[in-house]
Protein backbone atom coordinates (compact mmCIF):
# COMPACT_ATOMS: atom_id res chain seq x y z
CA MET A 1 0.01 0.01 0.11
CA THR A 2 2.76 2.54 0.80
CA LEU A 3 4.55 1.77 -2.50
CA ALA A 4 1.54 2.74 -4.43
CA LEU A 5 1.32 6.09 -2.33
CA TYR A 6 4.81 6.75 -2.96
CA ASP A 7 4.47 6.21 -6.78
CA ALA A 8 1.31 8.34 -6.98
CA MET A 9 3.14 11.07 -4.90
CA SER A 10 6.24 10.91 -7.14
CA THR A 11 3.86 11.13 -10.29
CA LEU A 12 2.35 14.38 -8.85
CA ALA A 13 5.34 15.66 -7.88
CA PHE A 14 6.64 15.27 -11.25
CA GLU A 15 3.37 16.66 -13.13
CA VAL A 16 3.76 19.71 -10.80
CA SER A 17 7.50 20.19 -11.49
CA ARG A 18 6.52 20.35 -15.05
CA GLY A 19 4.18 23.31 -14.64
CA GLY A 20 1.17 21.79 -15.77
CA PRO A 21 -2.30 23.30 -14.32
CA THR A 22 -3.02 22.82 -10.79
CA VAL A 23 -6.43 21.46 -9.74
CA PHE A 24 -7.21 25.07 -8.31
CA ALA A 25 -6.38 26.42 -11.81
CA ALA A 26 -8.63 23.96 -13.31
CA LEU A 27 -11.30 25.06 -11.01
CA ARG A 28 -10.93 28.53 -12.16
CA GLN A 29 -10.98 27.65 -15.73
CA THR A 30 -14.08 25.78 -15.18
CA ARG A 31 -15.76 28.77 -13.39
CA GLN A 32 -15.01 30.76 -16.49
CA ARG A 33 -16.61 28.03 -18.82
CA SER A 34 -19.71 27.47 -16.37
CA GLY A 35 -20.27 30.71 -14.80
CA GLY A 36 -19.57 31.39 -11.31
CA ARG A 37 -23.07 30.97 -9.90
CA HIS A 38 -23.38 27.11 -10.97
CA VAL A 39 -22.96 24.46 -8.40
CA ALA A 40 -19.36 23.28 -7.96
CA VAL A 41 -19.98 21.41 -4.55
CA GLU A 42 -23.17 19.63 -3.21
CA ASP A 43 -22.77 18.61 0.55
CA PRO A 44 -25.56 16.36 1.92
CA SER A 45 -25.22 17.78 5.23
CA GLY A 46 -25.01 21.62 4.46
CA PRO A 47 -25.50 24.25 1.61
CA CYS A 48 -24.32 23.68 -1.78
CA LEU A 49 -21.30 25.66 -2.96
CA SER A 50 -21.22 27.74 -6.32
CA TYR A 51 -17.91 28.06 -8.08
CA ASP A 52 -17.65 31.74 -6.77
CA ARG A 53 -18.25 30.56 -3.34
CA LEU A 54 -15.86 27.57 -3.32
CA ILE A 55 -13.19 29.90 -4.82
CA MET A 56 -13.65 32.87 -2.38
CA SER A 57 -13.60 30.29 0.50
CA ALA A 58 -10.41 28.46 -0.70
CA LEU A 59 -8.80 31.94 -1.07
CA ALA A 60 -10.00 33.10 2.36
CA LEU A 61 -8.87 29.94 4.26
CA GLY A 62 -5.58 29.66 2.04
CA ARG A 63 -4.65 33.01 3.65
CA ARG A 64 -4.73 31.18 7.16
CA LEU A 65 -3.00 28.11 5.96
CA VAL A 66 0.18 29.71 4.21
CA ARG A 67 1.17 30.85 8.03
CA GLU A 68 1.09 27.38 9.27
CA THR A 69 2.71 25.47 6.06
CA ARG A 70 5.53 25.87 3.64
CA PRO A 71 5.16 26.27 -0.08
CA ALA A 72 5.41 22.62 -1.82
CA GLU A 73 4.79 21.10 1.70
CA PRO A 74 2.73 17.99 1.68
CA VAL A 75 -0.11 18.31 3.83
CA GLY A 76 -2.46 15.53 5.09
CA LEU A 77 -6.22 16.12 4.96
CA LEU A 78 -8.25 13.99 7.63
CA LEU A 79 -11.47 15.32 7.11
CA GLY A 80 -15.05 13.81 6.54
CA ASN A 81 -16.98 13.96 3.28
CA ALA A 82 -18.22 17.63 3.24
CA ALA A 83 -17.82 20.79 1.13
CA ALA A 84 -15.45 21.97 3.92
CA THR A 85 -13.13 19.18 2.49
CA ALA A 86 -13.07 20.56 -0.96
CA VAL A 87 -12.57 24.02 0.44
CA THR A 88 -9.55 22.96 2.41
CA PHE A 89 -8.11 20.87 -0.48
CA MET A 90 -8.43 23.97 -3.00
CA ALA A 91 -7.03 26.42 -0.51
CA LEU A 92 -4.05 24.29 -0.14
CA GLN A 93 -3.71 23.96 -3.76
CA ALA A 94 -4.27 27.71 -4.59
CA ASN A 95 -1.29 28.40 -2.16
CA GLY A 96 1.28 25.97 -3.78
CA ARG A 97 0.94 23.34 -1.25
CA VAL A 98 0.42 19.52 -1.92
CA PRO A 99 -3.01 18.20 -0.16
CA ALA A 100 -2.76 14.49 0.63
CA MET A 101 -6.04 12.90 1.28
CA LEU A 102 -5.79 10.54 4.22
CA ASN A 103 -8.30 7.76 4.91
CA TYR A 104 -8.89 7.06 8.53
CA ALA A 105 -10.79 3.93 7.55
CA GLY A 106 -7.51 2.36 6.72
CA GLY A 107 -6.58 2.30 10.30
CA GLU A 108 -3.76 3.77 12.32
CA ALA A 109 -1.06 1.58 10.63
CA VAL A 110 -2.22 2.74 7.06
CA VAL A 111 -2.60 6.17 7.85
CA ALA A 112 0.77 6.07 9.67
CA GLY A 113 2.69 4.54 6.81
CA ALA A 114 1.00 7.16 4.42
CA LEU A 115 2.33 10.13 6.61
CA ALA A 116 5.86 8.50 6.73
CA THR A 117 5.92 7.60 2.93
CA ALA A 118 4.76 11.16 1.74
CA ARG A 119 6.73 12.98 4.50
CA ILE A 120 3.79 14.42 5.94
CA GLN A 121 4.45 16.59 9.07
CA THR A 122 1.40 18.70 8.97
CA VAL A 123 -2.23 17.19 8.96
CA ILE A 124 -5.52 19.23 9.05
CA THR A 125 -8.28 17.55 10.82
């Protein structure tokens, strides 16, 4: 399992280093094509987020996260299935951090292995 994660992180690092578009850049492009008021994220436990609201929220949260993280740092996300997870992911992406989704259902050993393999020192819960 950790070898697969290492391969995925290595591929991601290679793709980002080539200067390809980030997920956040693709989000902004999609907003341009679809319009800012279209729904970007649906959350069964809360309100839907439009592209405008998702981008605005990510930029606002990102201002806080840049004070607690370093550029290109892999940052673990151990969050539930909610709009807040998408906002946090995009906030990290928008500010040059590498969000790494962690799956708590895998158990403590799997999460610890993922943290070690990806050299994650910061986890947002």
